[in-house]
């Protein structure tokens, strides 16, 4: 069994309220959940233009998880209202 952990820091330049930010973040979370990932906003909940999303993926193959991480990055890159500040990930076997 393998575990994939992804941290995505986002800048949302045109957000002028928490409601506007929530619209962007909620849409991204829904699209990322289609990868069978657990997704949560883990930092910056009170900031209008910043968000940090955390993803957790579990699978039977490191290659499949790495492909899912690549797809997650593509999903976030397609969101024109947000810019990726940092994208960190790790796939490792579970002891």
PDB file of N, CA and C in Angstrom:
ATOM      1  N   UNK A   1       0.856  -1.174   0.000  1.00  0.00           N
ATOM      2  CA  UNK A   1       0.000   0.000   0.000  1.00  0.00           C
ATOM      3  C   UNK A   1       0.899   1.232   0.000  1.00  0.00           C
ATOM      4  N   UNK A   2       0.469   2.262  -0.751  1.00  0.00           N
ATOM      5  CA  UNK A   2       1.227   3.498  -0.871  1.00  0.00           C
ATOM      6  C   UNK A   2       0.345   4.670  -0.468  1.00  0.00           C
ATOM      7  N   UNK A   3       0.988   5.710   0.059  1.00  0.00           N
ATOM      8  CA  UNK A   3       0.296   6.914   0.504  1.00  0.00           C
ATOM      9  C   UNK A   3       0.872   8.100  -0.237  1.00  0.00           C
ATOM     10  N   UNK A   4      -0.008   8.918  -0.799  1.00  0.00           N
ATOM     11  CA  UNK A   4       0.405  10.148  -1.468  1.00  0.00           C
ATOM     12  C   UNK A   4      -0.123  11.346  -0.698  1.00  0.00           C
ATOM     13  N   UNK A   5       0.766  12.277  -0.397  1.00  0.00           N
ATOM     14  CA  UNK A   5       0.402  13.504   0.308  1.00  0.00           C
ATOM     15  C   UNK A   5       0.782  14.680  -0.591  1.00  0.00           C
ATOM     16  N   UNK A   6      -0.166  15.586  -0.798  1.00  0.00           N
ATOM     17  CA  UNK A   6       0.059  16.752  -1.659  1.00  0.00           C
ATOM     18  C   UNK A   6      -0.330  18.002  -0.886  1.00  0.00           C
ATOM     19  N   UNK A   7       0.501  19.029  -0.974  1.00  0.00           N
ATOM     20  CA  UNK A   7       0.191  20.337  -0.407  1.00  0.00           C
ATOM     21  C   UNK A   7       0.262  21.357  -1.532  1.00  0.00           C
ATOM     22  N   UNK A   8      -0.823  22.118  -1.700  1.00  0.00           N
ATOM     23  CA  UNK A   8      -0.895  23.099  -2.776  1.00  0.00           C
ATOM     24  C   UNK A   8      -1.190  24.462  -2.166  1.00  0.00           C
ATOM     25  N   UNK A   9      -0.247  25.395  -2.335  1.00  0.00           N
ATOM     26  CA  UNK A   9      -0.472  26.768  -1.882  1.00  0.00           C
ATOM     27  C   UNK A   9      -0.948  27.582  -3.076  1.00  0.00           C
ATOM     28  N   UNK A  10      -2.034  28.324  -2.866  1.00  0.00           N
ATOM     29  CA  UNK A  10      -2.654  29.087  -3.943  1.00  0.00           C
ATOM     30  C   UNK A  10      -2.709  30.575  -3.630  1.00  0.00           C
ATOM     31  N   UNK A  11      -2.596  31.373  -4.671  1.00  0.00           N
ATOM     32  CA  UNK A  11      -2.848  32.807  -4.599  1.00  0.00           C
ATOM     33  C   UNK A  11      -4.053  33.066  -5.485  1.00  0.00           C
ATOM     34  N   UNK A  12      -5.049  33.743  -4.941  1.00  0.00           N
ATOM     35  CA  UNK A  12      -6.293  34.026  -5.669  1.00  0.00           C
ATOM     36  C   UNK A  12      -6.377  35.547  -5.821  1.00  0.00           C
ATOM     37  N   UNK A  13      -5.786  36.108  -6.878  1.00  0.00           N
ATOM     38  CA  UNK A  13      -5.575  37.558  -6.963  1.00  0.00           C
ATOM     39  C   UNK A  13      -6.841  38.407  -7.027  1.00  0.00           C
ATOM     40  N   UNK A  14      -7.895  37.919  -7.606  1.00  0.00           N
ATOM     41  CA  UNK A  14      -9.087  38.749  -7.786  1.00  0.00           C
ATOM     42  C   UNK A  14     -10.127  38.546  -6.690  1.00  0.00           C
ATOM     43  N   UNK A  15      -9.788  37.798  -5.672  1.00  0.00           N
ATOM     44  CA  UNK A  15     -10.714  37.580  -4.571  1.00  0.00           C
ATOM     45  C   UNK A  15     -10.741  38.817  -3.685  1.00  0.00           C
ATOM     46  N   UNK A  16     -11.938  39.339  -3.454  1.00  0.00           N
ATOM     47  CA  UNK A  16     -12.079  40.525  -2.610  1.00  0.00           C
ATOM     48  C   UNK A  16     -12.897  40.234  -1.345  1.00  0.00           C
ATOM     49  N   UNK A  17     -13.163  38.950  -1.099  1.00  0.00           N
ATOM     50  CA  UNK A  17     -13.901  38.549   0.096  1.00  0.00           C
ATOM     51  C   UNK A  17     -13.684  37.061   0.340  1.00  0.00           C
ATOM     52  N   UNK A  18     -14.030  36.629   1.534  1.00  0.00           N
ATOM     53  CA  UNK A  18     -13.947  35.197   1.823  1.00  0.00           C
ATOM     54  C   UNK A  18     -14.941  34.410   0.976  1.00  0.00           C
ATOM     55  N   UNK A  19     -16.067  35.032   0.650  1.00  0.00           N
ATOM     56  CA  UNK A  19     -17.075  34.366  -0.177  1.00  0.00           C
ATOM     57  C   UNK A  19     -16.524  34.111  -1.585  1.00  0.00           C
ATOM     58  N   UNK A  20     -15.834  35.086  -2.153  1.00  0.00           N
ATOM     59  CA  UNK A  20     -15.236  34.913  -3.481  1.00  0.00           C
ATOM     60  C   UNK A  20     -14.164  33.830  -3.450  1.00  0.00           C
ATOM     61  N   UNK A  21     -13.358  33.835  -2.397  1.00  0.00           N
ATOM     62  CA  UNK A  21     -12.325  32.814  -2.255  1.00  0.00           C
ATOM     63  C   UNK A  21     -12.946  31.434  -2.125  1.00  0.00           C
ATOM     64  N   UNK A  22     -13.994  31.325  -1.320  1.00  0.00           N
ATOM     65  CA  UNK A  22     -14.661  30.040  -1.091  1.00  0.00           C
ATOM     66  C   UNK A  22     -15.192  29.460  -2.401  1.00  0.00           C
ATOM     67  N   UNK A  23     -15.655  30.329  -3.293  1.00  0.00           N
ATOM     68  CA  UNK A  23     -16.143  29.869  -4.600  1.00  0.00           C
ATOM     69  C   UNK A  23     -15.034  29.153  -5.372  1.00  0.00           C
ATOM     70  N   UNK A  24     -13.850  29.719  -5.367  1.00  0.00           N
ATOM     71  CA  UNK A  24     -12.714  29.117  -6.067  1.00  0.00           C
ATOM     72  C   UNK A  24     -12.291  27.821  -5.379  1.00  0.00           C
ATOM     73  N   UNK A  25     -12.124  27.888  -4.066  1.00  0.00           N
ATOM     74  CA  UNK A  25     -11.621  26.737  -3.306  1.00  0.00           C
ATOM     75  C   UNK A  25     -12.605  25.580  -3.359  1.00  0.00           C
ATOM     76  N   UNK A  26     -13.886  25.859  -3.206  1.00  0.00           N
ATOM     77  CA  UNK A  26     -14.895  24.793  -3.239  1.00  0.00           C
ATOM     78  C   UNK A  26     -14.922  24.108  -4.602  1.00  0.00           C
ATOM     79  N   UNK A  27     -14.832  24.874  -5.662  1.00  0.00           N
ATOM     80  CA  UNK A  27     -14.800  24.283  -6.997  1.00  0.00           C
ATOM     81  C   UNK A  27     -13.599  23.385  -7.198  1.00  0.00           C
ATOM     82  N   UNK A  28     -12.441  23.845  -6.750  1.00  0.00           N
ATOM     83  CA  UNK A  28     -11.236  23.021  -6.859  1.00  0.00           C
ATOM     84  C   UNK A  28     -11.356  21.752  -6.036  1.00  0.00           C
ATOM     85  N   UNK A  29     -11.851  21.867  -4.819  1.00  0.00           N
ATOM     86  CA  UNK A  29     -11.987  20.692  -3.968  1.00  0.00           C
ATOM     87  C   UNK A  29     -12.896  19.656  -4.615  1.00  0.00           C
ATOM     88  N   UNK A  30     -13.993  20.081  -5.203  1.00  0.00           N
ATOM     89  CA  UNK A  30     -14.911  19.136  -5.845  1.00  0.00           C
ATOM     90  C   UNK A  30     -14.250  18.435  -7.024  1.00  0.00           C
ATOM     91  N   UNK A  31     -13.494  19.179  -7.836  1.00  0.00           N
ATOM     92  CA  UNK A  31     -12.816  18.563  -8.981  1.00  0.00           C
ATOM     93  C   UNK A  31     -11.715  17.602  -8.514  1.00  0.00           C
ATOM     94  N   UNK A  32     -11.006  17.949  -7.463  1.00  0.00           N
ATOM     95  CA  UNK A  32      -9.938  17.083  -6.960  1.00  0.00           C
ATOM     96  C   UNK A  32     -10.488  15.816  -6.318  1.00  0.00           C
ATOM     97  N   UNK A  33     -11.664  15.886  -5.745  1.00  0.00           N
ATOM     98  CA  UNK A  33     -12.262  14.701  -5.125  1.00  0.00           C
ATOM     99  C   UNK A  33     -12.586  13.628  -6.156  1.00  0.00           C
ATOM    100  N   UNK A  34     -12.708  14.007  -7.417  1.00  0.00           N
ATOM    101  CA  UNK A  34     -12.962  13.025  -8.481  1.00  0.00           C
ATOM    102  C   UNK A  34     -11.778  12.071  -8.658  1.00  0.00           C
ATOM    103  N   UNK A  35     -10.639  12.437  -8.095  1.00  0.00           N
ATOM    104  CA  UNK A  35      -9.457  11.562  -8.146  1.00  0.00           C
ATOM    105  C   UNK A  35      -9.466  10.558  -7.001  1.00  0.00           C
ATOM    106  N   UNK A  36     -10.572  10.470  -6.286  1.00  0.00           N
ATOM    107  CA  UNK A  36     -10.678   9.633  -5.085  1.00  0.00           C
ATOM    108  C   UNK A  36      -9.668  10.065  -4.033  1.00  0.00           C
ATOM    109  N   UNK A  37      -9.519  11.366  -3.896  1.00  0.00           N
ATOM    110  CA  UNK A  37      -8.605  11.949  -2.914  1.00  0.00           C
ATOM    111  C   UNK A  37      -9.415  12.587  -1.794  1.00  0.00           C
ATOM    112  N   UNK A  38      -8.855  12.574  -0.615  1.00  0.00           N
ATOM    113  CA  UNK A  38      -9.404  13.373   0.480  1.00  0.00           C
ATOM    114  C   UNK A  38      -8.789  14.752   0.351  1.00  0.00           C
ATOM    115  N   UNK A  39      -9.628  15.788   0.383  1.00  0.00           N
ATOM    116  CA  UNK A  39      -9.161  17.153   0.145  1.00  0.00           C
ATOM    117  C   UNK A  39      -9.694  18.060   1.234  1.00  0.00           C
ATOM    118  N   UNK A  40      -8.837  18.944   1.728  1.00  0.00           N
ATOM    119  CA  UNK A  40      -9.257  19.917   2.733  1.00  0.00           C
ATOM    120  C   UNK A  40      -8.423  21.183   2.584  1.00  0.00           C
ATOM    121  N   UNK A  41      -9.030  22.309   2.943  1.00  0.00           N
ATOM    122  CA  UNK A  41      -8.274  23.551   3.064  1.00  0.00           C
ATOM    123  C   UNK A  41      -7.604  23.498   4.437  1.00  0.00           C
ATOM    124  N   UNK A  42      -6.287  23.513   4.465  1.00  0.00           N
ATOM    125  CA  UNK A  42      -5.561  23.270   5.709  1.00  0.00           C
ATOM    126  C   UNK A  42      -4.906  24.511   6.305  1.00  0.00           C
ATOM    127  N   UNK A  43      -4.801  25.589   5.548  1.00  0.00           N
ATOM    128  CA  UNK A  43      -4.231  26.837   6.048  1.00  0.00           C
ATOM    129  C   UNK A  43      -4.856  28.011   5.316  1.00  0.00           C
ATOM    130  N   UNK A  44      -4.807  29.163   5.965  1.00  0.00           N
ATOM    131  CA  UNK A  44      -5.244  30.394   5.321  1.00  0.00           C
ATOM    132  C   UNK A  44      -6.745  30.559   5.231  1.00  0.00           C
ATOM    133  N   UNK A  45      -7.488  29.899   6.094  1.00  0.00           N
ATOM    134  CA  UNK A  45      -8.946  29.964   6.008  1.00  0.00           C
ATOM    135  C   UNK A  45      -9.481  31.393   6.200  1.00  0.00           C
ATOM    136  N   UNK A  46      -8.759  32.233   6.915  1.00  0.00           N
ATOM    137  CA  UNK A  46      -9.240  33.591   7.174  1.00  0.00           C
ATOM    138  C   UNK A  46      -8.634  34.635   6.235  1.00  0.00           C
ATOM    139  N   UNK A  47      -7.857  34.201   5.245  1.00  0.00           N
ATOM    140  CA  UNK A  47      -7.245  35.116   4.283  1.00  0.00           C
ATOM    141  C   UNK A  47      -8.052  35.137   2.990  1.00  0.00           C
ATOM    142  N   UNK A  48      -8.211  36.313   2.413  1.00  0.00           N
ATOM    143  CA  UNK A  48      -9.029  36.453   1.207  1.00  0.00           C
ATOM    144  C   UNK A  48      -8.364  35.921  -0.053  1.00  0.00           C
ATOM    145  N   UNK A  49      -7.049  36.064  -0.153  1.00  0.00           N
ATOM    146  CA  UNK A  49      -6.385  35.744  -1.414  1.00  0.00           C
ATOM    147  C   UNK A  49      -5.402  34.583  -1.325  1.00  0.00           C
ATOM    148  N   UNK A  50      -5.365  33.910  -0.214  1.00  0.00           N
ATOM    149  CA  UNK A  50      -4.453  32.773  -0.039  1.00  0.00           C
ATOM    150  C   UNK A  50      -5.232  31.559   0.432  1.00  0.00           C
ATOM    151  N   UNK A  51      -4.800  30.392  -0.030  1.00  0.00           N
ATOM    152  CA  UNK A  51      -5.392  29.132   0.429  1.00  0.00           C
ATOM    153  C   UNK A  51      -4.328  28.048   0.301  1.00  0.00           C
ATOM    154  N   UNK A  52      -4.374  27.113   1.222  1.00  0.00           N
ATOM    155  CA  UNK A  52      -3.515  25.941   1.139  1.00  0.00           C
ATOM    156  C   UNK A  52      -4.404  24.711   1.208  1.00  0.00           C
ATOM    157  N   UNK A  53      -4.317  23.897   0.168  1.00  0.00           N
ATOM    158  CA  UNK A  53      -5.096  22.664   0.111  1.00  0.00           C
ATOM    159  C   UNK A  53      -4.196  21.480   0.416  1.00  0.00           C
ATOM    160  N   UNK A  54      -4.733  20.530   1.149  1.00  0.00           N
ATOM    161  CA  UNK A  54      -4.043  19.282   1.419  1.00  0.00           C
ATOM    162  C   UNK A  54      -4.816  18.139   0.798  1.00  0.00           C
ATOM    163  N   UNK A  55      -4.116  17.237   0.126  1.00  0.00           N
ATOM    164  CA  UNK A  55      -4.721  16.061  -0.489  1.00  0.00           C
ATOM    165  C   UNK A  55      -4.050  14.811   0.064  1.00  0.00           C
ATOM    166  N   UNK A  56      -4.846  13.776   0.270  1.00  0.00           N
ATOM    167  CA  UNK A  56      -4.318  12.478   0.672  1.00  0.00           C
ATOM    168  C   UNK A  56      -4.862  11.432  -0.295  1.00  0.00           C
ATOM    169  N   UNK A  57      -3.976  10.599  -0.797  1.00  0.00           N
ATOM    170  CA  UNK A  57      -4.331   9.542  -1.738  1.00  0.00           C
ATOM    171  C   UNK A  57      -3.752   8.224  -1.239  1.00  0.00           C
ATOM    172  N   UNK A  58      -4.491   7.158  -1.403  1.00  0.00           N
ATOM    173  CA  UNK A  58      -4.022   5.826  -1.033  1.00  0.00           C
ATOM    174  C   UNK A  58      -4.213   4.909  -2.235  1.00  0.00           C
ATOM    175  N   UNK A  59      -3.217   4.065  -2.498  1.00  0.00           N
ATOM    176  CA  UNK A  59      -3.329   3.148  -3.618  1.00  0.00           C
ATOM    177  C   UNK A  59      -2.384   1.979  -3.484  1.00  0.00           C
ATOM    178  N   UNK A  60      -2.493   1.066  -4.436  1.00  0.00           N
ATOM    179  CA  UNK A  60      -1.656  -0.135  -4.385  1.00  0.00           C
ATOM    180  C   UNK A  60      -0.397  -0.022  -5.228  1.00  0.00           C
ATOM    181  N   UNK A  61      -0.195   1.124  -5.886  1.00  0.00           N
ATOM    182  CA  UNK A  61       0.957   1.286  -6.754  1.00  0.00           C
ATOM    183  C   UNK A  61       1.453   2.729  -6.698  1.00  0.00           C
ATOM    184  N   UNK A  62       2.752   2.898  -6.558  1.00  0.00           N
ATOM    185  CA  UNK A  62       3.334   4.239  -6.536  1.00  0.00           C
ATOM    186  C   UNK A  62       3.119   4.932  -7.881  1.00  0.00           C
ATOM    187  N   UNK A  63       3.197   4.188  -8.956  1.00  0.00           N
ATOM    188  CA  UNK A  63       3.022   4.776 -10.291  1.00  0.00           C
ATOM    189  C   UNK A  63       1.622   5.351 -10.461  1.00  0.00           C
ATOM    190  N   UNK A  64       0.615   4.647  -9.985  1.00  0.00           N
ATOM    191  CA  UNK A  64      -0.761   5.161 -10.082  1.00  0.00           C
ATOM    192  C   UNK A  64      -0.933   6.429  -9.262  1.00  0.00           C
ATOM    193  N   UNK A  65      -0.348   6.449  -8.076  1.00  0.00           N
ATOM    194  CA  UNK A  65      -0.464   7.640  -7.234  1.00  0.00           C
ATOM    195  C   UNK A  65       0.273   8.819  -7.858  1.00  0.00           C
ATOM    196  N   UNK A  66       1.433   8.571  -8.448  1.00  0.00           N
ATOM    197  CA  UNK A  66       2.158   9.646  -9.109  1.00  0.00           C
ATOM    198  C   UNK A  66       1.366  10.189 -10.296  1.00  0.00           C
ATOM    199  N   UNK A  67       0.668   9.327 -11.008  1.00  0.00           N
ATOM    200  CA  UNK A  67      -0.197   9.781 -12.103  1.00  0.00           C
ATOM    201  C   UNK A  67      -1.349  10.621 -11.552  1.00  0.00           C
ATOM    202  N   UNK A  68      -1.901  10.228 -10.413  1.00  0.00           N
ATOM    203  CA  UNK A  68      -2.982  11.002  -9.796  1.00  0.00           C
ATOM    204  C   UNK A  68      -2.469  12.363  -9.325  1.00  0.00           C
ATOM    205  N   UNK A  69      -1.247  12.418  -8.814  1.00  0.00           N
ATOM    206  CA  UNK A  69      -0.653  13.697  -8.405  1.00  0.00           C
ATOM    207  C   UNK A  69      -0.477  14.602  -9.620  1.00  0.00           C
ATOM    208  N   UNK A  70      -0.019  14.053 -10.730  1.00  0.00           N
ATOM    209  CA  UNK A  70       0.113  14.832 -11.972  1.00  0.00           C
ATOM    210  C   UNK A  70      -1.233  15.364 -12.427  1.00  0.00           C
ATOM    211  N   UNK A  71      -2.257  14.537 -12.341  1.00  0.00           N
ATOM    212  CA  UNK A  71      -3.601  14.975 -12.733  1.00  0.00           C
ATOM    213  C   UNK A  71      -4.102  16.061 -11.787  1.00  0.00           C
ATOM    214  N   UNK A  72      -3.817  15.942 -10.503  1.00  0.00           N
ATOM    215  CA  UNK A  72      -4.217  16.978  -9.543  1.00  0.00           C
ATOM    216  C   UNK A  72      -3.578  18.312  -9.912  1.00  0.00           C
ATOM    217  N   UNK A  73      -2.317  18.283 -10.282  1.00  0.00           N
ATOM    218  CA  UNK A  73      -1.646  19.530 -10.682  1.00  0.00           C
ATOM    219  C   UNK A  73      -2.301  20.123 -11.931  1.00  0.00           C
ATOM    220  N   UNK A  74      -2.628  19.279 -12.893  1.00  0.00           N
ATOM    221  CA  UNK A  74      -3.283  19.779 -14.109  1.00  0.00           C
ATOM    222  C   UNK A  74      -4.644  20.405 -13.786  1.00  0.00           C
ATOM    223  N   UNK A  75      -5.390  19.781 -12.880  1.00  0.00           N
ATOM    224  CA  UNK A  75      -6.701  20.319 -12.486  1.00  0.00           C
ATOM    225  C   UNK A  75      -6.537  21.708 -11.886  1.00  0.00           C
ATOM    226  N   UNK A  76      -5.575  21.867 -10.999  1.00  0.00           N
ATOM    227  CA  UNK A  76      -5.368  23.165 -10.351  1.00  0.00           C
ATOM    228  C   UNK A  76      -4.846  24.187 -11.355  1.00  0.00           C
ATOM    229  N   UNK A  77      -3.974  23.783 -12.248  1.00  0.00           N
ATOM    230  CA  UNK A  77      -3.450  24.708 -13.257  1.00  0.00           C
ATOM    231  C   UNK A  77      -4.532  25.220 -14.192  1.00  0.00           C
ATOM    232  N   UNK A  78      -5.564  24.419 -14.433  1.00  0.00           N
ATOM    233  CA  UNK A  78      -6.664  24.841 -15.314  1.00  0.00           C
ATOM    234  C   UNK A  78      -7.595  25.860 -14.652  1.00  0.00           C
ATOM    235  N   UNK A  79      -7.510  26.019 -13.339  1.00  0.00           N
ATOM    236  CA  UNK A  79      -8.351  26.998 -12.631  1.00  0.00           C
ATOM    237  C   UNK A  79      -7.754  28.384 -12.850  1.00  0.00           C
ATOM    238  N   UNK A  80      -8.362  29.147 -13.757  1.00  0.00           N
ATOM    239  CA  UNK A  80      -7.808  30.441 -14.145  1.00  0.00           C
ATOM    240  C   UNK A  80      -7.887  31.485 -13.034  1.00  0.00           C
ATOM    241  N   UNK A  81      -8.720  31.277 -12.022  1.00  0.00           N
ATOM    242  CA  UNK A  81      -8.870  32.267 -10.946  1.00  0.00           C
ATOM    243  C   UNK A  81      -7.822  32.110  -9.857  1.00  0.00           C
ATOM    244  N   UNK A  82      -7.002  31.060  -9.924  1.00  0.00           N
ATOM    245  CA  UNK A  82      -5.996  30.809  -8.882  1.00  0.00           C
ATOM    246  C   UNK A  82      -4.643  30.550  -9.521  1.00  0.00           C
ATOM    247  N   UNK A  83      -3.605  30.952  -8.794  1.00  0.00           N
ATOM    248  CA  UNK A  83      -2.232  30.713  -9.236  1.00  0.00           C
ATOM    249  C   UNK A  83      -1.544  29.820  -8.205  1.00  0.00           C
ATOM    250  N   UNK A  84      -0.794  28.861  -8.683  1.00  0.00           N
ATOM    251  CA  UNK A  84      -0.053  27.975  -7.782  1.00  0.00           C
ATOM    252  C   UNK A  84       1.200  28.701  -7.294  1.00  0.00           C
ATOM    253  N   UNK A  85       1.324  28.817  -5.984  1.00  0.00           N
ATOM    254  CA  UNK A  85       2.514  29.396  -5.369  1.00  0.00           C
ATOM    255  C   UNK A  85       3.514  28.277  -5.056  1.00  0.00           C
ATOM    256  N   UNK A  86       3.006  27.159  -4.554  1.00  0.00           N
ATOM    257  CA  UNK A  86       3.858  26.007  -4.241  1.00  0.00           C
ATOM    258  C   UNK A  86       3.040  24.737  -4.421  1.00  0.00           C
ATOM    259  N   UNK A  87       3.703  23.688  -4.898  1.00  0.00           N
ATOM    260  CA  UNK A  87       3.074  22.382  -5.099  1.00  0.00           C
ATOM    261  C   UNK A  87       4.066  21.337  -4.618  1.00  0.00           C
ATOM    262  N   UNK A  88       3.837  20.814  -3.437  1.00  0.00           N
ATOM    263  CA  UNK A  88       4.733  19.812  -2.850  1.00  0.00           C
ATOM    264  C   UNK A  88       4.004  18.492  -2.736  1.00  0.00           C
ATOM    265  N   UNK A  89       4.714  17.398  -3.000  1.00  0.00           N
ATOM    266  CA  UNK A  89       4.075  16.083  -2.925  1.00  0.00           C
ATOM    267  C   UNK A  89       5.101  15.026  -2.558  1.00  0.00           C
ATOM    268  N   UNK A  90       4.551  13.935  -2.040  1.00  0.00           N
ATOM    269  CA  UNK A  90       5.380  12.793  -1.673  1.00  0.00           C
ATOM    270  C   UNK A  90       4.523  11.538  -1.780  1.00  0.00           C
ATOM    271  N   UNK A  91       5.064  10.514  -2.413  1.00  0.00           N
ATOM    272  CA  UNK A  91       4.427   9.205  -2.479  1.00  0.00           C
ATOM    273  C   UNK A  91       5.389   8.235  -1.820  1.00  0.00           C
ATOM    274  N   UNK A  92       4.901   7.514  -0.823  1.00  0.00           N
ATOM    275  CA  UNK A  92       5.766   6.578  -0.106  1.00  0.00           C
ATOM    276  C   UNK A  92       4.991   5.340   0.315  1.00  0.00           C
ATOM    277  N   UNK A  93       5.705   4.231   0.497  1.00  0.00           N
ATOM    278  CA  UNK A  93       5.038   3.014   0.953  1.00  0.00           C
ATOM    279  C   UNK A  93       4.628   3.154   2.415  1.00  0.00           C
ATOM    280  N   UNK A  94       3.520   2.509   2.755  1.00  0.00           N
ATOM    281  CA  UNK A  94       3.062   2.504   4.140  1.00  0.00           C
ATOM    282  C   UNK A  94       3.610   1.233   4.800  1.00  0.00           C
ATOM    283  N   UNK A  95       4.291   1.399   5.924  1.00  0.00           N
ATOM    284  CA  UNK A  95       4.893   0.214   6.571  1.00  0.00           C
ATOM    285  C   UNK A  95       3.844  -0.737   7.111  1.00  0.00           C
TER     286      UNK A  95
END
